[in-house]
Amino acid sequence: MSGSTAPHDPNKLGWGFATVIIVLAIVANVTAYTIHKATYLKPDAPAAAAEH
């Protein structure tokens, strides 16, 4: 026995870890969107002049 008299409540387990995963997913999506907006070229954009 662990000595704790509180009943086991499985609904309270893992919320901290789940919150960390959700925050990481949001940060990853914002980062990807930012990089996309900064680097995306439309397919009809003129090609960069080739250096000779």
PDB file of N, CA and C in Angstrom:
ATOM      1  N   MET A   1       0.853  -1.191   0.000  1.00  0.00           N
ATOM      2  CA  MET A   1       0.000   0.000   0.000  1.00  0.00           C
ATOM      3  C   MET A   1       0.887   1.237   0.000  1.00  0.00           C
ATOM      4  N   SER A   2       0.408   2.286  -0.626  1.00  0.00           N
ATOM      5  CA  SER A   2       1.185   3.511  -0.736  1.00  0.00           C
ATOM      6  C   SER A   2       0.970   4.434   0.442  1.00  0.00           C
ATOM      7  N   GLY A   3      -0.032   4.186   1.257  1.00  0.00           N
ATOM      8  CA  GLY A   3      -0.262   5.034   2.405  1.00  0.00           C
ATOM      9  C   GLY A   3      -1.227   6.162   2.127  1.00  0.00           C
ATOM     10  N   SER A   4      -1.579   6.364   0.861  1.00  0.00           N
ATOM     11  CA  SER A   4      -2.515   7.422   0.507  1.00  0.00           C
ATOM     12  C   SER A   4      -3.935   6.909   0.693  1.00  0.00           C
ATOM     13  N   THR A   5      -4.780   7.743   1.294  1.00  0.00           N
ATOM     14  CA  THR A   5      -6.167   7.339   1.503  1.00  0.00           C
ATOM     15  C   THR A   5      -7.092   7.890   0.427  1.00  0.00           C
ATOM     16  N   ALA A   6      -6.560   8.714  -0.498  1.00  0.00           N
ATOM     17  CA  ALA A   6      -7.375   9.279  -1.568  1.00  0.00           C
ATOM     18  C   ALA A   6      -7.722   8.179  -2.568  1.00  0.00           C
ATOM     19  N   PRO A   7      -8.957   8.126  -3.011  1.00  0.00           N
ATOM     20  CA  PRO A   7      -9.328   7.108  -4.002  1.00  0.00           C
ATOM     21  C   PRO A   7      -8.633   7.378  -5.325  1.00  0.00           C
ATOM     22  N   HIS A   8      -8.389   6.321  -6.070  1.00  0.00           N
ATOM     23  CA  HIS A   8      -7.722   6.425  -7.367  1.00  0.00           C
ATOM     24  C   HIS A   8      -8.704   7.017  -8.378  1.00  0.00           C
ATOM     25  N   ASP A   9      -8.310   8.111  -9.025  1.00  0.00           N
ATOM     26  CA  ASP A   9      -9.170   8.750 -10.032  1.00  0.00           C
ATOM     27  C   ASP A   9      -8.401   8.821 -11.347  1.00  0.00           C
ATOM     28  N   PRO A  10      -8.648   7.900 -12.273  1.00  0.00           N
ATOM     29  CA  PRO A  10      -7.899   7.890 -13.535  1.00  0.00           C
ATOM     30  C   PRO A  10      -8.149   9.118 -14.408  1.00  0.00           C
ATOM     31  N   ASN A  11      -9.190   9.880 -14.138  1.00  0.00           N
ATOM     32  CA  ASN A  11      -9.469  11.073 -14.940  1.00  0.00           C
ATOM     33  C   ASN A  11      -8.503  12.207 -14.651  1.00  0.00           C
ATOM     34  N   LYS A  12      -7.750  12.127 -13.578  1.00  0.00           N
ATOM     35  CA  LYS A  12      -6.823  13.203 -13.218  1.00  0.00           C
ATOM     36  C   LYS A  12      -5.395  12.900 -13.666  1.00  0.00           C
ATOM     37  N   LEU A  13      -5.176  11.752 -14.247  1.00  0.00           N
ATOM     38  CA  LEU A  13      -3.822  11.349 -14.618  1.00  0.00           C
ATOM     39  C   LEU A  13      -3.481  11.815 -16.029  1.00  0.00           C
ATOM     40  N   GLY A  14      -2.260  12.303 -16.210  1.00  0.00           N
ATOM     41  CA  GLY A  14      -1.752  12.596 -17.534  1.00  0.00           C
ATOM     42  C   GLY A  14      -2.097  13.962 -18.099  1.00  0.00           C
ATOM     43  N   TRP A  15      -2.830  14.795 -17.369  1.00  0.00           N
ATOM     44  CA  TRP A  15      -3.219  16.096 -17.927  1.00  0.00           C
ATOM     45  C   TRP A  15      -2.023  17.020 -18.101  1.00  0.00           C
ATOM     46  N   GLY A  16      -1.058  16.957 -17.218  1.00  0.00           N
ATOM     47  CA  GLY A  16       0.142  17.779 -17.368  1.00  0.00           C
ATOM     48  C   GLY A  16       0.907  17.410 -18.625  1.00  0.00           C
ATOM     49  N   PHE A  17       1.084  16.116 -18.826  1.00  0.00           N
ATOM     50  CA  PHE A  17       1.793  15.638 -20.013  1.00  0.00           C
ATOM     51  C   PHE A  17       1.013  15.980 -21.277  1.00  0.00           C
ATOM     52  N   ALA A  18      -0.293  15.807 -21.247  1.00  0.00           N
ATOM     53  CA  ALA A  18      -1.123  16.139 -22.403  1.00  0.00           C
ATOM     54  C   ALA A  18      -1.022  17.626 -22.736  1.00  0.00           C
ATOM     55  N   THR A  19      -0.985  18.467 -21.715  1.00  0.00           N
ATOM     56  CA  THR A  19      -0.858  19.910 -21.927  1.00  0.00           C
ATOM     57  C   THR A  19       0.470  20.243 -22.604  1.00  0.00           C
ATOM     58  N   VAL A  20       1.541  19.597 -22.173  1.00  0.00           N
ATOM     59  CA  VAL A  20       2.858  19.831 -22.778  1.00  0.00           C
ATOM     60  C   VAL A  20       2.834  19.437 -24.253  1.00  0.00           C
ATOM     61  N   ILE A  21       2.242  18.308 -24.576  1.00  0.00           N
ATOM     62  CA  ILE A  21       2.174  17.847 -25.961  1.00  0.00           C
ATOM     63  C   ILE A  21       1.357  18.812 -26.820  1.00  0.00           C
ATOM     64  N   ILE A  22       0.239  19.292 -26.284  1.00  0.00           N
ATOM     65  CA  ILE A  22      -0.601  20.234 -27.029  1.00  0.00           C
ATOM     66  C   ILE A  22       0.147  21.539 -27.284  1.00  0.00           C
ATOM     67  N   VAL A  23       0.842  22.048 -26.277  1.00  0.00           N
ATOM     68  CA  VAL A  23       1.612  23.285 -26.443  1.00  0.00           C
ATOM     69  C   VAL A  23       2.711  23.078 -27.485  1.00  0.00           C
ATOM     70  N   LEU A  24       3.399  21.942 -27.433  1.00  0.00           N
ATOM     71  CA  LEU A  24       4.443  21.672 -28.427  1.00  0.00           C
ATOM     72  C   LEU A  24       3.855  21.595 -29.839  1.00  0.00           C
ATOM     73  N   ALA A  25       2.685  21.005 -29.982  1.00  0.00           N
ATOM     74  CA  ALA A  25       2.048  20.926 -31.297  1.00  0.00           C
ATOM     75  C   ALA A  25       1.693  22.315 -31.817  1.00  0.00           C
ATOM     76  N   ILE A  26       1.182  23.172 -30.942  1.00  0.00           N
ATOM     77  CA  ILE A  26       0.841  24.538 -31.356  1.00  0.00           C
ATOM     78  C   ILE A  26       2.089  25.295 -31.777  1.00  0.00           C
ATOM     79  N   VAL A  27       3.155  25.179 -30.996  1.00  0.00           N
ATOM     80  CA  VAL A  27       4.418  25.864 -31.323  1.00  0.00           C
ATOM     81  C   VAL A  27       4.966  25.356 -32.654  1.00  0.00           C
ATOM     82  N   ALA A  28       4.913  24.050 -32.879  1.00  0.00           N
ATOM     83  CA  ALA A  28       5.413  23.490 -34.136  1.00  0.00           C
ATOM     84  C   ALA A  28       4.609  24.001 -35.327  1.00  0.00           C
ATOM     85  N   ASN A  29       3.286  24.092 -35.180  1.00  0.00           N
ATOM     86  CA  ASN A  29       2.451  24.585 -36.274  1.00  0.00           C
ATOM     87  C   ASN A  29       2.702  26.056 -36.555  1.00  0.00           C
ATOM     88  N   VAL A  30       2.843  26.866 -35.530  1.00  0.00           N
ATOM     89  CA  VAL A  30       3.119  28.291 -35.725  1.00  0.00           C
ATOM     90  C   VAL A  30       4.482  28.471 -36.387  1.00  0.00           C
ATOM     91  N   THR A  31       5.469  27.692 -35.960  1.00  0.00           N
ATOM     92  CA  THR A  31       6.797  27.775 -36.554  1.00  0.00           C
ATOM     93  C   THR A  31       6.755  27.381 -38.031  1.00  0.00           C
ATOM     94  N   ALA A  32       6.082  26.292 -38.335  1.00  0.00           N
ATOM     95  CA  ALA A  32       5.987  25.850 -39.729  1.00  0.00           C
ATOM     96  C   ALA A  32       5.269  26.885 -40.591  1.00  0.00           C
ATOM     97  N   TYR A  33       4.211  27.473 -40.077  1.00  0.00           N
ATOM     98  CA  TYR A  33       3.469  28.492 -40.833  1.00  0.00           C
ATOM     99  C   TYR A  33       4.343  29.720 -41.076  1.00  0.00           C
ATOM    100  N   THR A  34       5.092  30.126 -40.053  1.00  0.00           N
ATOM    101  CA  THR A  34       5.970  31.288 -40.188  1.00  0.00           C
ATOM    102  C   THR A  34       7.044  31.041 -41.244  1.00  0.00           C
ATOM    103  N   ILE A  35       7.654  29.870 -41.205  1.00  0.00           N
ATOM    104  CA  ILE A  35       8.679  29.532 -42.193  1.00  0.00           C
ATOM    105  C   ILE A  35       8.054  29.477 -43.589  1.00  0.00           C
ATOM    106  N   HIS A  36       6.870  28.896 -43.682  1.00  0.00           N
ATOM    107  CA  HIS A  36       6.178  28.811 -44.975  1.00  0.00           C
ATOM    108  C   HIS A  36       5.913  30.203 -45.544  1.00  0.00           C
ATOM    109  N   LYS A  37       5.393  31.104 -44.725  1.00  0.00           N
ATOM    110  CA  LYS A  37       5.088  32.457 -45.198  1.00  0.00           C
ATOM    111  C   LYS A  37       6.350  33.199 -45.623  1.00  0.00           C
ATOM    112  N   ALA A  38       7.474  32.922 -44.968  1.00  0.00           N
ATOM    113  CA  ALA A  38       8.712  33.632 -45.269  1.00  0.00           C
ATOM    114  C   ALA A  38       9.419  33.077 -46.504  1.00  0.00           C
ATOM    115  N   THR A  39       9.165  31.822 -46.854  1.00  0.00           N
ATOM    116  CA  THR A  39       9.969  31.200 -47.904  1.00  0.00           C
ATOM    117  C   THR A  39       9.171  30.717 -49.110  1.00  0.00           C
ATOM    118  N   TYR A  40       7.861  30.702 -49.050  1.00  0.00           N
ATOM    119  CA  TYR A  40       7.059  30.151 -50.150  1.00  0.00           C
ATOM    120  C   TYR A  40       7.088  31.065 -51.364  1.00  0.00           C
ATOM    121  N   LEU A  41       7.306  30.470 -52.504  1.00  0.00           N
ATOM    122  CA  LEU A  41       7.227  31.179 -53.779  1.00  0.00           C
ATOM    123  C   LEU A  41       6.072  30.596 -54.567  1.00  0.00           C
ATOM    124  N   LYS A  42       5.228  31.453 -55.109  1.00  0.00           N
ATOM    125  CA  LYS A  42       4.115  30.979 -55.928  1.00  0.00           C
ATOM    126  C   LYS A  42       4.667  30.315 -57.181  1.00  0.00           C
ATOM    127  N   PRO A  43       3.970  29.311 -57.691  1.00  0.00           N
ATOM    128  CA  PRO A  43       4.468  28.611 -58.883  1.00  0.00           C
ATOM    129  C   PRO A  43       4.633  29.530 -60.093  1.00  0.00           C
ATOM    130  N   ASP A  44       3.872  30.624 -60.164  1.00  0.00           N
ATOM    131  CA  ASP A  44       3.991  31.506 -61.316  1.00  0.00           C
ATOM    132  C   ASP A  44       4.960  32.666 -61.071  1.00  0.00           C
ATOM    133  N   ALA A  45       5.677  32.626 -59.954  1.00  0.00           N
ATOM    134  CA  ALA A  45       6.648  33.683 -59.672  1.00  0.00           C
ATOM    135  C   ALA A  45       7.802  33.581 -60.656  1.00  0.00           C
ATOM    136  N   PRO A  46       8.329  34.723 -61.087  1.00  0.00           N
ATOM    137  CA  PRO A  46       9.465  34.662 -62.035  1.00  0.00           C
ATOM    138  C   PRO A  46      10.677  34.030 -61.371  1.00  0.00           C
ATOM    139  N   ALA A  47      11.371  33.228 -62.130  1.00  0.00           N
ATOM    140  CA  ALA A  47      12.560  32.550 -61.602  1.00  0.00           C
ATOM    141  C   ALA A  47      13.667  33.576 -61.365  1.00  0.00           C
ATOM    142  N   ALA A  48      14.489  33.304 -60.369  1.00  0.00           N
ATOM    143  CA  ALA A  48      15.613  34.200 -60.087  1.00  0.00           C
ATOM    144  C   ALA A  48      16.587  34.165 -61.267  1.00  0.00           C
ATOM    145  N   ALA A  49      17.182  35.307 -61.557  1.00  0.00           N
ATOM    146  CA  ALA A  49      18.128  35.389 -62.666  1.00  0.00           C
ATOM    147  C   ALA A  49      19.332  34.493 -62.369  1.00  0.00           C
ATOM    148  N   ALA A  50      19.693  33.681 -63.342  1.00  0.00           N
ATOM    149  CA  ALA A  50      20.832  32.794 -63.162  1.00  0.00           C
ATOM    150  C   ALA A  50      22.123  33.611 -63.270  1.00  0.00           C
ATOM    151  N   GLU A  51      23.021  33.342 -62.341  1.00  0.00           N
ATOM    152  CA  GLU A  51      24.306  34.044 -62.381  1.00  0.00           C
ATOM    153  C   GLU A  51      25.261  33.321 -63.315  1.00  0.00           C
ATOM    154  N   HIS A  52      25.960  34.074 -64.142  1.00  0.00           N
ATOM    155  CA  HIS A  52      26.894  33.463 -65.108  1.00  0.00           C
ATOM    156  C   HIS A  52      28.297  33.610 -64.617  1.00  0.00           C
TER     157      HIS A  52
END
